[in-house]
C-alpha atoms as a PDB file:
ATOM      1  CA  MET A   1       4.845   3.113 -13.532  1.00  0.00           C
ATOM      2  CA  LYS A   2       1.334   4.344 -14.399  1.00  0.00           C
ATOM      3  CA  HIS A   3      -1.990   3.486 -12.814  1.00  0.00           C
ATOM      4  CA  CYS A   4      -5.592   3.277 -14.071  1.00  0.00           C
ATOM      5  CA  PRO A   5      -8.031   4.958 -11.660  1.00  0.00           C
ATOM      6  CA  LEU A   6     -10.970   2.890 -12.988  1.00  0.00           C
ATOM      7  CA  CYS A   7      -9.753  -0.714 -13.078  1.00  0.00           C
ATOM      8  CA  ASP A   8      -6.875  -0.280 -10.590  1.00  0.00           C
ATOM      9  CA  LYS A   9      -4.322  -1.932 -12.894  1.00  0.00           C
ATOM     10  CA  SER A  10      -0.732  -0.724 -13.284  1.00  0.00           C
ATOM     11  CA  TYR A  11       1.154  -0.350 -16.563  1.00  0.00           C
ATOM     12  CA  GLY A  12       4.556   0.716 -17.824  1.00  0.00           C
ATOM     13  CA  ASP A  13       5.372   4.340 -18.563  1.00  0.00           C
ATOM     14  CA  GLU A  14       5.006   3.868 -22.339  1.00  0.00           C
ATOM     15  CA  LEU A  15       1.165   3.826 -22.190  1.00  0.00           C
ATOM     16  CA  SER A  16      -1.024   6.903 -21.708  1.00  0.00           C
ATOM     17  CA  THR A  17      -4.457   5.212 -21.617  1.00  0.00           C
ATOM     18  CA  CYS A  18      -5.683   1.967 -20.105  1.00  0.00           C
ATOM     19  CA  PRO A  19      -6.005  -0.786 -22.734  1.00  0.00           C
ATOM     20  CA  LEU A  20      -8.959  -2.271 -20.802  1.00  0.00           C
ATOM     21  CA  ASP A  21     -11.229   0.744 -20.313  1.00  0.00           C
ATOM     22  CA  GLY A  22      -9.583   3.677 -22.112  1.00  0.00           C
ATOM     23  CA  ALA A  23      -9.142   5.769 -18.960  1.00  0.00           C
ATOM     24  CA  ARG A  24      -6.214   8.165 -18.790  1.00  0.00           C
ATOM     25  CA  LEU A  25      -3.378   6.644 -16.750  1.00  0.00           C
ATOM     26  CA  SER A  26      -1.880   8.614 -13.873  1.00  0.00           C
ATOM     27  CA  THR A  27       1.786   8.587 -12.963  1.00  0.00           C
ATOM     28  CA  SER A  28       3.127   7.806  -9.535  1.00  0.00           C
ATOM     29  CA  PRO A  29       4.172  10.894  -7.601  1.00  0.00           C
ATOM     30  CA  ALA A  30       7.776  11.763  -8.334  1.00  0.00           C
ATOM     31  CA  GLY A  31      10.080  11.412  -5.400  1.00  0.00           C
ATOM     32  CA  ASP A  32       8.166   8.636  -3.619  1.00  0.00           C
ATOM     33  CA  PRO A  33      10.699   5.810  -3.590  1.00  0.00           C
ATOM     34  CA  VAL A  34       8.208   3.272  -2.206  1.00  0.00           C
ATOM     35  CA  VAL A  35       5.917   3.284  -5.268  1.00  0.00           C
ATOM     36  CA  GLY A  36       6.916   0.482  -7.639  1.00  0.00           C
ATOM     37  CA  GLN A  37       8.921  -1.396  -4.994  1.00  0.00           C
ATOM     38  CA  VAL A  38       8.297  -4.957  -3.794  1.00  0.00           C
ATOM     39  CA  ILE A  39       8.105  -4.996   0.004  1.00  0.00           C
ATOM     40  CA  LYS A  40       9.354  -8.091   1.866  1.00  0.00           C
ATOM     41  CA  GLY A  41       9.000 -10.064  -1.381  1.00  0.00           C
ATOM     42  CA  ARG A  42       5.227 -10.117  -0.851  1.00  0.00           C
ATOM     43  CA  TYR A  43       3.678  -6.774  -1.805  1.00  0.00           C
ATOM     44  CA  ARG A  44       4.183  -4.679  -4.958  1.00  0.00           C
ATOM     45  CA  VAL A  45       3.394  -1.037  -4.131  1.00  0.00           C
ATOM     46  CA  LEU A  46       1.129   0.474  -6.796  1.00  0.00           C
ATOM     47  CA  ARG A  47       0.390   3.995  -5.553  1.00  0.00           C
ATOM     48  CA  LYS A  48       0.127   6.172  -2.470  1.00  0.00           C
ATOM     49  CA  LEU A  49      -3.341   6.467  -0.950  1.00  0.00           C
ATOM     50  CA  GLY A  50      -2.597   8.881   1.871  1.00  0.00           C
ATOM     51  CA  GLU A  51      -0.309   9.983   4.648  1.00  0.00           C
ATOM     52  CA  GLY A  52      -0.757  10.529   8.350  1.00  0.00           C
ATOM     53  CA  GLY A  53       1.282  11.251  11.427  1.00  0.00           C
ATOM     54  CA  MET A  54       2.552   7.673  11.793  1.00  0.00           C
ATOM     55  CA  GLY A  55       3.240   6.810   8.172  1.00  0.00           C
ATOM     56  CA  SER A  56       1.956   6.477   4.634  1.00  0.00           C
ATOM     57  CA  VAL A  57      -0.693   4.127   3.263  1.00  0.00           C
ATOM     58  CA  TYR A  58      -0.263   2.607  -0.178  1.00  0.00           C
ATOM     59  CA  LEU A  59      -2.350   0.495  -2.512  1.00  0.00           C
ATOM     60  CA  ALA A  60      -0.381  -2.695  -3.061  1.00  0.00           C
ATOM     61  CA  ASP A  61      -0.792  -6.031  -4.771  1.00  0.00           C
ATOM     62  CA  GLN A  62      -0.284  -9.082  -2.556  1.00  0.00           C
ATOM     63  CA  LEU A  63       1.761 -11.061  -5.067  1.00  0.00           C
ATOM     64  CA  SER A  64       1.028 -14.591  -3.828  1.00  0.00           C
ATOM     65  CA  ILE A  65      -2.724 -14.322  -4.423  1.00  0.00           C
ATOM     66  CA  SER A  66      -3.107 -11.168  -6.554  1.00  0.00           C
ATOM     67  CA  ARG A  67      -5.179  -9.407  -3.898  1.00  0.00           C
ATOM     68  CA  LYS A  68      -5.288  -5.622  -3.600  1.00  0.00           C
ATOM     69  CA  VAL A  69      -4.410  -4.491  -0.081  1.00  0.00           C
ATOM     70  CA  ALA A  70      -3.731  -1.294   1.821  1.00  0.00           C
ATOM     71  CA  LEU A  71      -0.159  -1.304   3.068  1.00  0.00           C
ATOM     72  CA  LYS A  72       0.886   0.975   5.919  1.00  0.00           C
ATOM     73  CA  VAL A  73       4.550   1.978   5.984  1.00  0.00           C
ATOM     74  CA  LEU A  74       5.739   3.721   9.139  1.00  0.00           C
ATOM     75  CA  HIS A  75       7.748   6.928   8.921  1.00  0.00           C
ATOM     76  CA  ARG A  76      11.434   6.168   9.360  1.00  0.00           C
ATOM     77  CA  GLU A  77      11.744   8.006  12.684  1.00  0.00           C
ATOM     78  CA  PHE A  78       9.160   5.675  14.265  1.00  0.00           C
ATOM     79  CA  THR A  79      10.900   2.504  13.068  1.00  0.00           C
ATOM     80  CA  ARG A  80      13.892   3.385  15.263  1.00  0.00           C
ATOM     81  CA  ASP A  81      11.780   3.668  18.433  1.00  0.00           C
ATOM     82  CA  HIS A  82      11.544   0.132  19.862  1.00  0.00           C
ATOM     83  CA  GLU A  83       8.732   1.037  22.271  1.00  0.00           C
ATOM     84  CA  PHE A  84       6.681   2.619  19.484  1.00  0.00           C
ATOM     85  CA  VAL A  85       7.157  -0.426  17.223  1.00  0.00           C
ATOM     86  CA  GLN A  86       5.992  -2.714  20.049  1.00  0.00           C
ATOM     87  CA  ARG A  87       2.846  -0.575  20.516  1.00  0.00           C
ATOM     88  CA  PHE A  88       2.218  -0.664  16.760  1.00  0.00           C
ATOM     89  CA  HIS A  89       2.487  -4.479  16.738  1.00  0.00           C
ATOM     90  CA  GLN A  90       0.141  -4.717  19.731  1.00  0.00           C
ATOM     91  CA  GLU A  91      -2.425  -2.513  17.940  1.00  0.00           C
ATOM     92  CA  ALA A  92      -2.111  -4.695  14.831  1.00  0.00           C
ATOM     93  CA  ARG A  93      -2.708  -7.867  16.872  1.00  0.00           C
ATOM     94  CA  LEU A  94      -5.764  -6.329  18.540  1.00  0.00           C
ATOM     95  CA  ALA A  95      -7.163  -5.030  15.243  1.00  0.00           C
ATOM     96  CA  ALA A  96      -6.616  -8.443  13.622  1.00  0.00           C
ATOM     97  CA  ALA A  97      -8.850 -10.004  16.281  1.00  0.00           C
ATOM     98  CA  LEU A  98     -11.779  -7.760  15.297  1.00  0.00           C
ATOM     99  CA  ASN A  99     -14.330  -8.702  12.655  1.00  0.00           C
ATOM    100  CA  HIS A 100     -16.700  -5.908  11.640  1.00  0.00           C
ATOM    101  CA  PRO A 101     -17.634  -4.397   8.255  1.00  0.00           C
ATOM    102  CA  ALA A 102     -16.684  -0.899   9.449  1.00  0.00           C
ATOM    103  CA  ILE A 103     -13.195  -1.950  10.599  1.00  0.00           C
ATOM    104  CA  THR A 104     -10.309  -2.638   8.233  1.00  0.00           C
ATOM    105  CA  THR A 105      -9.218  -6.277   8.266  1.00  0.00           C
ATOM    106  CA  VAL A 106      -5.586  -6.821   9.238  1.00  0.00           C
ATOM    107  CA  PHE A 107      -4.031  -9.660   7.214  1.00  0.00           C
ATOM    108  CA  ASP A 108      -0.373  -9.311   8.122  1.00  0.00           C
ATOM    109  CA  PHE A 109       2.184  -7.101   9.875  1.00  0.00           C
ATOM    110  CA  ASP A 110       5.940  -7.082  10.157  1.00  0.00           C
END
């Protein structure tokens, strides 16, 4: 799968430039099995945005309404720690209650 950095659209591997704006398409990093996958039947992962101590953040398309979202995927070792997962869910609930332009809006967590 290839991605346009200008319009944020994804295309098959057969294209080298974006048909909408002519920008050169970038390929997903090799070896990242999450890119291109559909998560929980709701989010198609387009590309990796970054990585931190807890997990990786991806640009994804929320399939039901075609909305671009940031999707955080925890590192596997944290998903096995029940206490950590509970803390993560609590943080997500607290963050979802906040409404401020400088704070990322939480739409969903699982």
